[in-house]
Every structure is written in structure tokens, then in C-alpha cells.
Amino acid sequence: MWFNILKVLGTKTGFAQLDFDNVVIEDEDDCKKRWQQLCQELKEFTIPNTETKTEHDEMHYVYFINWEDSSLWLHYDYDSEIPEEVYCKALEMLFDTSLTNINEEEIGNYSINKISWVKGIETGFAYVFNHYIEIKTPSSKYCDLGFTLHAEDKSLKPIARKLLEILT
């Protein structure tokens, strides 16, 4: 819409003609598409020589890996009813590396929480890493994107790094 106004103004005022034929217009669903793309990347994430299990309930798709004393949950949900602006804010928060611990924003009736922290021995595991975003809808359903890693030692840290490359 804005480029049509500028195009008309440019032709009526005698100013130099602008080339509007090659204007890239961002798709109105860019954030929804990016969220879906990240969900797909997490869904396809594999760890060699590891048995995996996918669980599903009415609200979550979870990719679950269980080692002897460690586990990894990959959260990847998508809800087409969530507005574009909510997905955009959630992605902005997810990619913002200055946001740590728990951060909350609200857009209309939607609540967005970013959980990003590393904890140690006090959790019962030597290494707990959370990095995910959750959107709570007005009907109290959750849409999550990210991972939680509980490890007996820091040997699984490279997995967390690979996941962070996808999510930051």
C-alpha cells in the first residue's frame, strides 16, 4: 500500500521516477513462516547413534531423547490462529541474546515467555540448559519453540551449542 502511494506521488509531482517494479514486499506471514521453519529444523535435528521418541499431546510436539542419566526435549509447536505480530515478538525475544533467565511480554491477550538459563548442581543434574520461547494463547494453550537439556555432565554441551545455532 505504501509503495502505491509513493508511486502516485512520484508521477504527479514531477520528481525523478522511482523504479517500483523490483520492490521486495515482505510477506505478511514472514514470522509465521520463520517459526514453522524453525519447528521443522528442530523436528529434523538428529544426534548420531541415539534412540529418539516423539511424544504428542493436544498441545505439544516433543522430541525426546533419553540417555542413561541425561535427557533432551525439543519443543516445536505451531498454531495458525496466533497472530503474526505475536510470532514476530516471540522470535525477536528468542533471538535476543541479552534476554536471560525468564522474560515476559504481553501482546493483547497473548503472553510470551522466554526461558534461557543454565543451572548446575542444585537441580540434581550437573548441567541444565533451557532455551525456549512459549506463547500462551487466550484459551490457555501453549505454543513452544526451543529445547531443554538435562545432563549428568557437560559432555552434552556441544549439542546445546548446535541447538543454539538454530535458535539464535
C-alpha atoms as a PDB file:
ATOM      1  CA  MET A   1       0.000   0.000   0.000  1.00  0.00           C
ATOM      2  CA  TRP A   2       2.715   2.493   0.963  1.00  0.00           C
ATOM      3  CA  PHE A   3       4.611   1.904  -2.273  1.00  0.00           C
ATOM      4  CA  ASN A   4       1.437   2.626  -4.338  1.00  0.00           C
ATOM      5  CA  ILE A   5       1.101   5.996  -2.591  1.00  0.00           C
ATOM      6  CA  LEU A   6       4.743   6.838  -3.291  1.00  0.00           C
ATOM      7  CA  LYS A   7       4.391   5.704  -6.893  1.00  0.00           C
ATOM      8  CA  VAL A   8       1.421   8.039  -7.448  1.00  0.00           C
ATOM      9  CA  LEU A   9       3.165  10.938  -5.711  1.00  0.00           C
ATOM     10  CA  GLY A  10       6.306  10.395  -7.769  1.00  0.00           C
ATOM     11  CA  THR A  11       4.403  10.513 -11.067  1.00  0.00           C
ATOM     12  CA  LYS A  12       2.262  13.563 -10.162  1.00  0.00           C
ATOM     13  CA  THR A  13       4.892  15.829  -8.603  1.00  0.00           C
ATOM     14  CA  GLY A  14       7.481  15.731 -11.363  1.00  0.00           C
ATOM     15  CA  PHE A  15      10.168  14.284  -9.140  1.00  0.00           C
ATOM     16  CA  ALA A  16      12.500  11.698 -10.519  1.00  0.00           C
ATOM     17  CA  GLN A  17      10.720   8.467 -11.301  1.00  0.00           C
ATOM     18  CA  LEU A  18      11.426   5.660  -8.863  1.00  0.00           C
ATOM     19  CA  ASP A  19      11.645   2.065 -10.020  1.00  0.00           C
ATOM     20  CA  PHE A  20       8.857   0.235  -8.199  1.00  0.00           C
ATOM     21  CA  ASP A  21       8.929  -2.842 -10.418  1.00  0.00           C
ATOM     22  CA  ASN A  22      11.613  -4.552  -8.335  1.00  0.00           C
ATOM     23  CA  VAL A  23      10.365  -3.630  -4.873  1.00  0.00           C
ATOM     24  CA  VAL A  24      10.557  -6.545  -2.455  1.00  0.00           C
ATOM     25  CA  ILE A  25       7.413  -6.649  -0.385  1.00  0.00           C
ATOM     26  CA  GLU A  26       7.688  -8.654   2.790  1.00  0.00           C
ATOM     27  CA  ASP A  27       5.076 -11.353   3.017  1.00  0.00           C
ATOM     28  CA  GLU A  28       2.619 -10.614   5.784  1.00  0.00           C
ATOM     29  CA  ASP A  29       3.234 -14.082   7.237  1.00  0.00           C
ATOM     30  CA  ASP A  30       7.060 -13.894   7.422  1.00  0.00           C
ATOM     31  CA  CYS A  31       7.233 -14.514  11.183  1.00  0.00           C
ATOM     32  CA  LYS A  32       4.779 -17.397  10.995  1.00  0.00           C
ATOM     33  CA  LYS A  33       6.840 -18.922   8.184  1.00  0.00           C
ATOM     34  CA  ARG A  34      10.091 -18.419  10.103  1.00  0.00           C
ATOM     35  CA  TRP A  35       8.534 -20.057  13.206  1.00  0.00           C
ATOM     36  CA  GLN A  36       7.400 -23.029  11.089  1.00  0.00           C
ATOM     37  CA  GLN A  37      10.863 -23.269   9.536  1.00  0.00           C
ATOM     38  CA  LEU A  38      12.475 -23.391  12.988  1.00  0.00           C
ATOM     39  CA  CYS A  39       9.957 -26.041  14.090  1.00  0.00           C
ATOM     40  CA  GLN A  40      10.947 -28.122  11.070  1.00  0.00           C
ATOM     41  CA  GLU A  41      14.670 -27.693  11.802  1.00  0.00           C
ATOM     42  CA  LEU A  42      14.148 -28.880  15.384  1.00  0.00           C
ATOM     43  CA  LYS A  43      11.978 -31.746  14.185  1.00  0.00           C
ATOM     44  CA  GLU A  44      14.771 -32.850  11.823  1.00  0.00           C
ATOM     45  CA  PHE A  45      17.546 -32.381  14.409  1.00  0.00           C
ATOM     46  CA  THR A  46      19.315 -35.684  14.988  1.00  0.00           C
ATOM     47  CA  ILE A  47      22.100 -36.954  17.164  1.00  0.00           C
ATOM     48  CA  PRO A  48      24.014 -39.901  15.691  1.00  0.00           C
ATOM     49  CA  ASN A  49      23.624 -43.267  17.431  1.00  0.00           C
ATOM     50  CA  THR A  50      20.808 -42.019  19.656  1.00  0.00           C
ATOM     51  CA  GLU A  51      17.379 -43.542  20.020  1.00  0.00           C
ATOM     52  CA  THR A  52      14.657 -40.938  19.876  1.00  0.00           C
ATOM     53  CA  LYS A  53      10.982 -40.847  20.711  1.00  0.00           C
ATOM     54  CA  THR A  54       8.402 -38.318  19.622  1.00  0.00           C
ATOM     55  CA  GLU A  55       5.556 -37.604  22.002  1.00  0.00           C
ATOM     56  CA  HIS A  56       2.445 -35.673  21.200  1.00  0.00           C
ATOM     57  CA  ASP A  57      -0.465 -34.432  23.222  1.00  0.00           C
ATOM     58  CA  GLU A  58      -3.132 -31.928  22.281  1.00  0.00           C
ATOM     59  CA  MET A  59      -0.804 -29.001  22.910  1.00  0.00           C
ATOM     60  CA  HIS A  60       2.785 -30.097  22.292  1.00  0.00           C
ATOM     61  CA  TYR A  61       5.004 -31.974  19.924  1.00  0.00           C
ATOM     62  CA  VAL A  62       8.098 -33.021  21.828  1.00  0.00           C
ATOM     63  CA  TYR A  63      11.180 -34.761  20.529  1.00  0.00           C
ATOM     64  CA  PHE A  64      12.615 -36.674  23.443  1.00  0.00           C
ATOM     65  CA  ILE A  65      16.000 -38.285  23.848  1.00  0.00           C
ATOM     66  CA  ASN A  66      16.828 -40.184  26.996  1.00  0.00           C
ATOM     67  CA  TRP A  67      20.363 -41.290  27.806  1.00  0.00           C
ATOM     68  CA  GLU A  68      21.355 -43.141  30.938  1.00  0.00           C
ATOM     69  CA  ASP A  69      21.271 -40.055  33.179  1.00  0.00           C
ATOM     70  CA  SER A  70      20.518 -37.270  30.716  1.00  0.00           C
ATOM     71  CA  SER A  71      17.651 -36.113  28.534  1.00  0.00           C
ATOM     72  CA  LEU A  72      16.814 -33.610  25.827  1.00  0.00           C
ATOM     73  CA  TRP A  73      13.404 -32.186  24.983  1.00  0.00           C
ATOM     74  CA  LEU A  74      12.879 -30.264  21.750  1.00  0.00           C
ATOM     75  CA  HIS A  75       9.707 -28.207  21.804  1.00  0.00           C
ATOM     76  CA  TYR A  76       8.206 -27.285  18.452  1.00  0.00           C
ATOM     77  CA  ASP A  77       4.591 -26.221  18.218  1.00  0.00           C
ATOM     78  CA  TYR A  78       2.768 -24.098  15.683  1.00  0.00           C
ATOM     79  CA  ASP A  79      -0.740 -22.659  15.927  1.00  0.00           C
ATOM     80  CA  SER A  80      -2.084 -20.899  12.832  1.00  0.00           C
ATOM     81  CA  GLU A  81      -4.558 -18.936  14.997  1.00  0.00           C
ATOM     82  CA  ILE A  82      -1.785 -16.969  16.710  1.00  0.00           C
ATOM     83  CA  PRO A  83      -1.425 -13.534  15.055  1.00  0.00           C
ATOM     84  CA  GLU A  84       1.644 -12.622  13.030  1.00  0.00           C
ATOM     85  CA  GLU A  85       2.628  -9.817  15.421  1.00  0.00           C
ATOM     86  CA  VAL A  86       2.756 -12.282  18.338  1.00  0.00           C
ATOM     87  CA  TYR A  87       5.059 -14.630  16.399  1.00  0.00           C
ATOM     88  CA  CYS A  88       7.243 -11.647  15.432  1.00  0.00           C
ATOM     89  CA  LYS A  89       7.631 -10.542  19.064  1.00  0.00           C
ATOM     90  CA  ALA A  90       8.298 -14.128  20.194  1.00  0.00           C
ATOM     91  CA  LEU A  91      11.040 -14.567  17.571  1.00  0.00           C
ATOM     92  CA  GLU A  92      12.544 -11.194  18.464  1.00  0.00           C
ATOM     93  CA  MET A  93      12.734 -12.291  22.111  1.00  0.00           C
ATOM     94  CA  LEU A  94      14.086 -15.740  21.209  1.00  0.00           C
ATOM     95  CA  PHE A  95      16.921 -14.284  19.129  1.00  0.00           C
ATOM     96  CA  ASP A  96      17.770 -11.540  21.662  1.00  0.00           C
ATOM     97  CA  THR A  97      20.804 -12.952  23.460  1.00  0.00           C
ATOM     98  CA  SER A  98      20.685 -10.178  26.069  1.00  0.00           C
ATOM     99  CA  LEU A  99      17.474 -11.685  27.475  1.00  0.00           C
ATOM    100  CA  THR A 100      18.352 -14.352  30.018  1.00  0.00           C
ATOM    101  CA  ASN A 101      16.510 -16.137  32.812  1.00  0.00           C
ATOM    102  CA  ILE A 102      12.774 -15.627  32.362  1.00  0.00           C
ATOM    103  CA  ASN A 103      11.387 -12.684  30.395  1.00  0.00           C
ATOM    104  CA  GLU A 104       7.726 -11.948  29.764  1.00  0.00           C
ATOM    105  CA  GLU A 105       5.887  -9.741  27.276  1.00  0.00           C
ATOM    106  CA  GLU A 106       2.211  -9.370  26.502  1.00  0.00           C
ATOM    107  CA  ILE A 107       0.539  -8.561  23.209  1.00  0.00           C
ATOM    108  CA  GLY A 108      -3.205  -8.277  23.563  1.00  0.00           C
ATOM    109  CA  ASN A 109      -4.423 -11.436  25.270  1.00  0.00           C
ATOM    110  CA  TYR A 110      -1.254 -13.371  24.426  1.00  0.00           C
ATOM    111  CA  SER A 111       1.569 -13.890  26.901  1.00  0.00           C
ATOM    112  CA  ILE A 112       5.093 -14.564  25.597  1.00  0.00           C
ATOM    113  CA  ASN A 113       7.770 -16.009  27.883  1.00  0.00           C
ATOM    114  CA  LYS A 114      11.413 -16.568  27.062  1.00  0.00           C
ATOM    115  CA  ILE A 115      13.240 -19.029  29.272  1.00  0.00           C
ATOM    116  CA  SER A 116      17.004 -19.070  28.807  1.00  0.00           C
ATOM    117  CA  TRP A 117      19.316 -20.173  31.586  1.00  0.00           C
ATOM    118  CA  VAL A 118      21.968 -22.634  32.648  1.00  0.00           C
ATOM    119  CA  LYS A 119      21.872 -24.153  36.124  1.00  0.00           C
ATOM    120  CA  GLY A 120      24.205 -26.530  37.832  1.00  0.00           C
ATOM    121  CA  ILE A 121      24.396 -28.970  40.683  1.00  0.00           C
ATOM    122  CA  GLU A 122      21.441 -27.616  42.704  1.00  0.00           C
ATOM    123  CA  THR A 123      18.990 -29.060  40.153  1.00  0.00           C
ATOM    124  CA  GLY A 124      20.202 -32.613  40.700  1.00  0.00           C
ATOM    125  CA  PHE A 125      21.925 -32.594  37.311  1.00  0.00           C
ATOM    126  CA  ALA A 126      25.402 -31.279  36.644  1.00  0.00           C
ATOM    127  CA  TYR A 127      24.105 -29.333  33.665  1.00  0.00           C
ATOM    128  CA  VAL A 128      20.639 -27.982  32.852  1.00  0.00           C
ATOM    129  CA  PHE A 129      20.225 -25.739  29.840  1.00  0.00           C
ATOM    130  CA  ASN A 130      16.905 -24.171  28.841  1.00  0.00           C
ATOM    131  CA  HIS A 131      16.455 -22.007  25.785  1.00  0.00           C
ATOM    132  CA  TYR A 132      12.913 -21.711  24.539  1.00  0.00           C
ATOM    133  CA  ILE A 133      10.030 -19.389  23.984  1.00  0.00           C
ATOM    134  CA  GLU A 134       6.430 -20.115  24.864  1.00  0.00           C
ATOM    135  CA  ILE A 135       3.316 -18.335  23.726  1.00  0.00           C
ATOM    136  CA  LYS A 136       0.246 -18.663  25.920  1.00  0.00           C
ATOM    137  CA  THR A 137      -2.965 -18.124  23.969  1.00  0.00           C
ATOM    138  CA  PRO A 138      -6.137 -16.538  25.387  1.00  0.00           C
ATOM    139  CA  SER A 139      -7.580 -20.071  25.717  1.00  0.00           C
ATOM    140  CA  SER A 140      -4.561 -21.064  27.896  1.00  0.00           C
ATOM    141  CA  LYS A 141      -2.956 -23.285  25.255  1.00  0.00           C
ATOM    142  CA  TYR A 142       0.799 -23.110  24.863  1.00  0.00           C
ATOM    143  CA  CYS A 143       2.883 -22.943  21.715  1.00  0.00           C
ATOM    144  CA  ASP A 144       6.588 -23.595  22.410  1.00  0.00           C
ATOM    145  CA  LEU A 145       9.809 -23.438  20.432  1.00  0.00           C
ATOM    146  CA  GLY A 146      13.188 -24.406  21.859  1.00  0.00           C
ATOM    147  CA  PHE A 147      14.931 -27.021  23.968  1.00  0.00           C
ATOM    148  CA  THR A 148      15.640 -28.241  27.484  1.00  0.00           C
ATOM    149  CA  LEU A 149      18.752 -30.307  28.154  1.00  0.00           C
ATOM    150  CA  HIS A 150      19.332 -32.134  31.460  1.00  0.00           C
ATOM    151  CA  ALA A 151      22.768 -33.721  31.577  1.00  0.00           C
ATOM    152  CA  GLU A 152      24.817 -35.633  34.108  1.00  0.00           C
ATOM    153  CA  ASP A 153      27.927 -33.782  32.979  1.00  0.00           C
ATOM    154  CA  LYS A 154      28.951 -31.096  30.491  1.00  0.00           C
ATOM    155  CA  SER A 155      29.798 -33.614  27.752  1.00  0.00           C
ATOM    156  CA  LEU A 156      26.497 -32.788  26.030  1.00  0.00           C
ATOM    157  CA  LYS A 157      27.325 -29.081  25.827  1.00  0.00           C
ATOM    158  CA  PRO A 158      28.150 -29.375  22.068  1.00  0.00           C
ATOM    159  CA  ILE A 159      24.542 -30.454  21.473  1.00  0.00           C
ATOM    160  CA  ALA A 160      23.313 -27.324  23.248  1.00  0.00           C
ATOM    161  CA  ARG A 161      25.653 -25.230  21.078  1.00  0.00           C
ATOM    162  CA  LYS A 162      24.284 -26.793  17.877  1.00  0.00           C
ATOM    163  CA  LEU A 163      20.729 -26.096  19.003  1.00  0.00           C
ATOM    164  CA  LEU A 164      21.616 -22.515  19.891  1.00  0.00           C
ATOM    165  CA  GLU A 165      22.974 -22.044  16.364  1.00  0.00           C
ATOM    166  CA  ILE A 166      19.497 -22.872  15.083  1.00  0.00           C
ATOM    167  CA  LEU A 167      17.654 -20.735  17.639  1.00  0.00           C
ATOM    168  CA  THR A 168      19.776 -17.561  17.803  1.00  0.00           C
END
